[in-house]
Protein backbone atom coordinates (compact mmCIF):
# COMPACT_ATOMS: atom_id res chain seq x y z
CA MET A 1 96.65 109.56 117.61
CA PRO A 2 93.05 107.60 116.95
CA LEU A 3 92.11 107.34 113.64
CA ARG A 4 89.10 110.18 113.23
CA ASP A 5 87.00 111.00 110.50
CA GLU A 6 86.72 114.53 109.31
CA LYS A 7 85.34 116.11 105.80
CA THR A 8 87.87 116.89 103.56
CA PHE A 9 84.81 118.18 101.87
CA THR A 10 82.22 119.71 102.64
CA ASP A 11 78.53 118.86 101.68
CA GLU A 12 77.77 122.21 100.47
CA GLU A 13 81.05 121.90 98.65
CA TRP A 14 80.41 118.08 97.03
CA ILE A 15 76.92 119.59 95.98
CA ALA A 16 78.25 122.76 94.06
CA ALA A 17 80.48 120.36 92.58
CA PHE A 18 77.94 117.87 90.88
CA ALA A 19 75.93 120.79 89.89
CA LEU A 20 78.34 121.73 87.06
CA VAL A 21 77.24 118.52 85.58
CA LEU A 22 73.83 117.89 87.29
CA PRO A 23 70.34 118.72 87.73
CA PRO A 24 70.20 120.76 91.24
CA ASP A 25 68.10 117.32 93.03
CA GLN A 26 70.32 115.39 91.88
CA ALA A 27 73.16 117.14 92.40
CA ARG A 28 71.90 117.16 95.55
CA ALA A 29 71.76 113.38 96.34
CA GLU A 30 74.66 112.53 94.37
CA GLY A 31 76.32 115.44 96.91
CA LEU A 32 75.43 113.88 100.15
CA ALA A 33 76.14 110.38 99.21
CA TRP A 34 79.71 110.54 97.64
CA ASN A 35 80.27 112.77 101.16
CA SER A 36 78.60 110.21 103.78
CA LEU A 37 81.44 108.09 103.26
CA PRO A 38 84.44 108.04 105.71
CA ASP A 39 87.40 110.45 105.14
CA LEU A 40 89.12 108.68 108.05
CA LYS A 41 92.62 110.99 109.10
CA GLY A 42 95.29 109.63 110.96
CA PHE A 43 96.64 106.73 109.30
CA GLU A 44 100.02 108.45 109.02
CA ASP A 45 100.45 107.87 113.50
CA ALA A 46 97.67 104.75 114.26
CA THR A 47 98.89 101.77 115.63
CA ALA A 48 97.73 98.25 113.85
CA GLU A 49 95.27 97.99 116.42
CA GLU A 50 93.98 101.44 115.82
CA ILE A 51 93.56 100.77 111.53
CA ALA A 52 92.07 96.92 112.58
CA ALA A 53 89.51 98.48 114.48
CA ALA A 54 88.28 101.11 112.33
CA GLY A 55 87.75 98.06 109.71
CA VAL A 56 89.00 99.85 107.07
CA SER A 57 92.18 99.80 104.90
CA GLY A 58 93.46 103.04 104.49
CA PRO A 59 91.94 107.16 104.14
CA ARG A 60 89.36 107.31 101.35
CA SER A 61 90.69 107.94 98.01
CA TYR A 62 89.80 110.00 95.36
CA ASP A 63 90.33 109.96 91.67
CA GLY A 64 91.52 112.50 89.71
CA ASP A 65 88.57 113.65 87.52
CA VAL A 66 86.58 113.88 90.98
CA LEU A 67 89.38 116.38 92.11
CA ASP A 68 89.68 118.10 89.41
CA LEU A 69 85.87 118.84 89.70
CA LEU A 70 86.11 119.67 93.37
CA SER A 71 89.06 122.05 92.06
CA LEU A 72 86.11 124.37 90.06
CA VAL A 73 83.79 125.29 93.43
CA SER A 74 86.32 127.40 94.83
CA ASP A 75 89.87 128.06 95.33
CA SER A 76 89.80 127.15 99.27
CA CYS A 77 88.97 122.81 96.98
CA ALA A 78 90.75 123.65 94.60
CA GLU A 79 94.24 123.77 96.95
CA ARG A 80 92.21 120.95 98.95
CA ALA A 81 91.86 118.94 95.46
CA TRP A 82 95.29 119.76 94.02
CA ARG A 83 97.23 118.63 97.68
CA LEU A 84 95.64 115.16 97.38
CA LEU A 85 96.59 114.79 94.39
CA GLY A 86 100.18 116.48 95.20
CA VAL A 87 100.86 118.77 92.04
CA SER A 88 102.11 122.34 92.90
CA PRO A 89 99.51 124.84 92.12
CA ASP A 90 100.89 126.00 88.44
CA GLU A 91 100.26 122.65 87.95
CA GLY A 92 96.97 122.42 89.24
CA LYS A 93 95.74 125.46 88.02
CA HIS A 94 96.56 123.96 84.48
CA ARG A 95 94.49 120.83 85.21
CA ARG A 96 91.84 123.41 86.41
CA GLU A 97 91.25 124.50 82.94
CA GLU A 98 91.88 121.69 81.05
CA PHE A 99 89.18 120.13 83.27
CA ARG A 100 86.93 123.26 82.30
CA ARG A 101 87.38 122.87 78.98
CA ARG A 102 86.55 119.03 79.32
CA ILE A 103 83.39 120.20 81.48
CA ALA A 104 81.95 122.87 78.72
CA ASP A 105 82.93 120.18 76.57
CA ALA A 106 80.73 117.30 77.55
CA LEU A 107 78.04 119.85 78.78
CA ARG A 108 77.69 121.30 74.89
CA ALA A 109 77.63 117.57 73.08
CA ARG A 110 75.08 116.52 75.96
CA GLY A 111 72.90 119.59 75.26
CA ALA A 112 72.50 118.55 71.42
CA SER A 113 71.21 115.31 72.03
């Protein structure tokens, strides 16, 4: 199967995630910028020739903080984020609550300065 660019999260989901921590205009710009990167799928079945022709060395990777932020957007986003993180729904829910607390603390601290 050839490599294909399939977005894991929509532009709107990225914008919603960044809107939790950024002003609206900045959240829109950041969300669109993040989702403009290739999100290639099909590496598990790709041939060496297909991978070489794609000009990339693998699928896009996400770090835990970005996935935790996306998990706050909706249950659907959370399920996809947890799948990418390789955690169970129970562990994911714990991560989401902990991240929600961290974000609230950071936003309060930013507002106080």
